[in-house]
Amino acid sequence: MDRSTEDAEQIAIAARIVLGLLRLQTQTQGTVPMEDLPGFLLMAADERDRQGDFGAGRMLNDWADMLRDWE
């Protein structure tokens, strides 16, 4: 597997997790309070790392940091 294919797969994994959270939030408004969202992303990042999807884990960690810094 070449590096670009691996990167695309990692982005797809991370995006699917974020879109799943968005879908859940849209279907059942208020399910995930904004202040808890970074924690959900960090839990997902830990699981991706455990599964060997280190690129997806890094992206999810970065996105959690961005949400915590957002005001």
Protein backbone atom coordinates (compact mmCIF):
# COMPACT_ATOMS: atom_id res chain seq x y z
CA MET A 1 0.00 0.00 0.00
CA ASP A 2 1.44 3.38 -0.92
CA ARG A 3 1.54 6.32 1.47
CA SER A 4 -1.16 8.36 -0.32
CA THR A 5 -3.63 5.46 -0.16
CA GLU A 6 -2.89 4.99 3.54
CA ASP A 7 -3.35 8.72 4.22
CA ALA A 8 -6.67 8.75 2.35
CA GLU A 9 -7.88 5.78 4.39
CA GLN A 10 -6.93 7.48 7.66
CA ILE A 11 -8.75 10.68 6.66
CA ALA A 12 -11.82 8.64 5.69
CA ILE A 13 -11.82 6.87 9.08
CA ALA A 14 -11.57 10.14 11.02
CA ALA A 15 -14.20 11.84 8.86
CA ARG A 16 -16.61 8.92 9.32
CA ILE A 17 -16.32 9.26 13.11
CA VAL A 18 -16.98 13.01 13.03
CA LEU A 19 -19.86 12.61 10.59
CA GLY A 20 -21.33 9.88 12.81
CA LEU A 21 -21.30 12.29 15.76
CA LEU A 22 -22.89 14.98 13.59
CA ARG A 23 -25.57 12.55 12.42
CA LEU A 24 -26.32 11.51 16.01
CA GLN A 25 -26.54 15.14 17.08
CA THR A 26 -28.85 15.97 14.17
CA GLN A 27 -31.17 13.02 14.77
CA THR A 28 -31.41 13.59 18.51
CA GLN A 29 -30.65 17.22 19.25
CA GLY A 30 -28.73 17.78 22.45
CA THR A 31 -27.32 14.25 22.57
CA VAL A 32 -23.72 15.48 22.78
CA PRO A 33 -23.27 18.78 24.62
CA MET A 34 -20.69 20.99 22.92
CA GLU A 35 -18.44 20.95 25.98
CA ASP A 36 -18.33 17.13 25.84
CA LEU A 37 -17.54 16.86 22.13
CA PRO A 38 -13.74 17.09 22.51
CA GLY A 39 -13.88 14.20 24.99
CA PHE A 40 -15.83 12.06 22.54
CA LEU A 41 -13.24 12.78 19.85
CA LEU A 42 -10.40 11.90 22.25
CA MET A 43 -12.09 8.58 23.11
CA ALA A 44 -12.46 7.85 19.41
CA ALA A 45 -8.79 8.80 18.87
CA ASP A 46 -7.70 6.36 21.56
CA GLU A 47 -9.73 3.59 19.94
CA ARG A 48 -8.29 4.36 16.50
CA ASP A 49 -4.77 4.19 17.96
CA ARG A 50 -5.64 0.87 19.58
CA GLN A 51 -6.77 -0.40 16.17
CA GLY A 52 -3.54 0.81 14.53
CA ASP A 53 -5.17 3.73 12.69
CA PHE A 54 -2.59 6.20 13.96
CA GLY A 55 -3.26 8.85 11.28
CA ALA A 56 -6.96 8.91 12.15
CA GLY A 57 -6.08 9.06 15.84
CA ARG A 58 -3.82 12.08 15.27
CA MET A 59 -6.50 13.90 13.28
CA LEU A 60 -9.15 13.26 15.92
CA ASN A 61 -6.79 14.51 18.64
CA ASP A 62 -6.07 17.64 16.61
CA TRP A 63 -9.77 18.25 16.03
CA ALA A 64 -10.50 17.82 19.75
CA ASP A 65 -7.82 20.44 20.50
CA MET A 66 -9.37 22.81 17.95
CA LEU A 67 -12.81 22.43 19.55
CA ARG A 68 -11.42 23.06 23.04
CA ASP A 69 -9.72 26.24 21.80
CA TRP A 70 -12.80 27.46 19.93
CA GLU A 71 -14.70 30.26 21.58
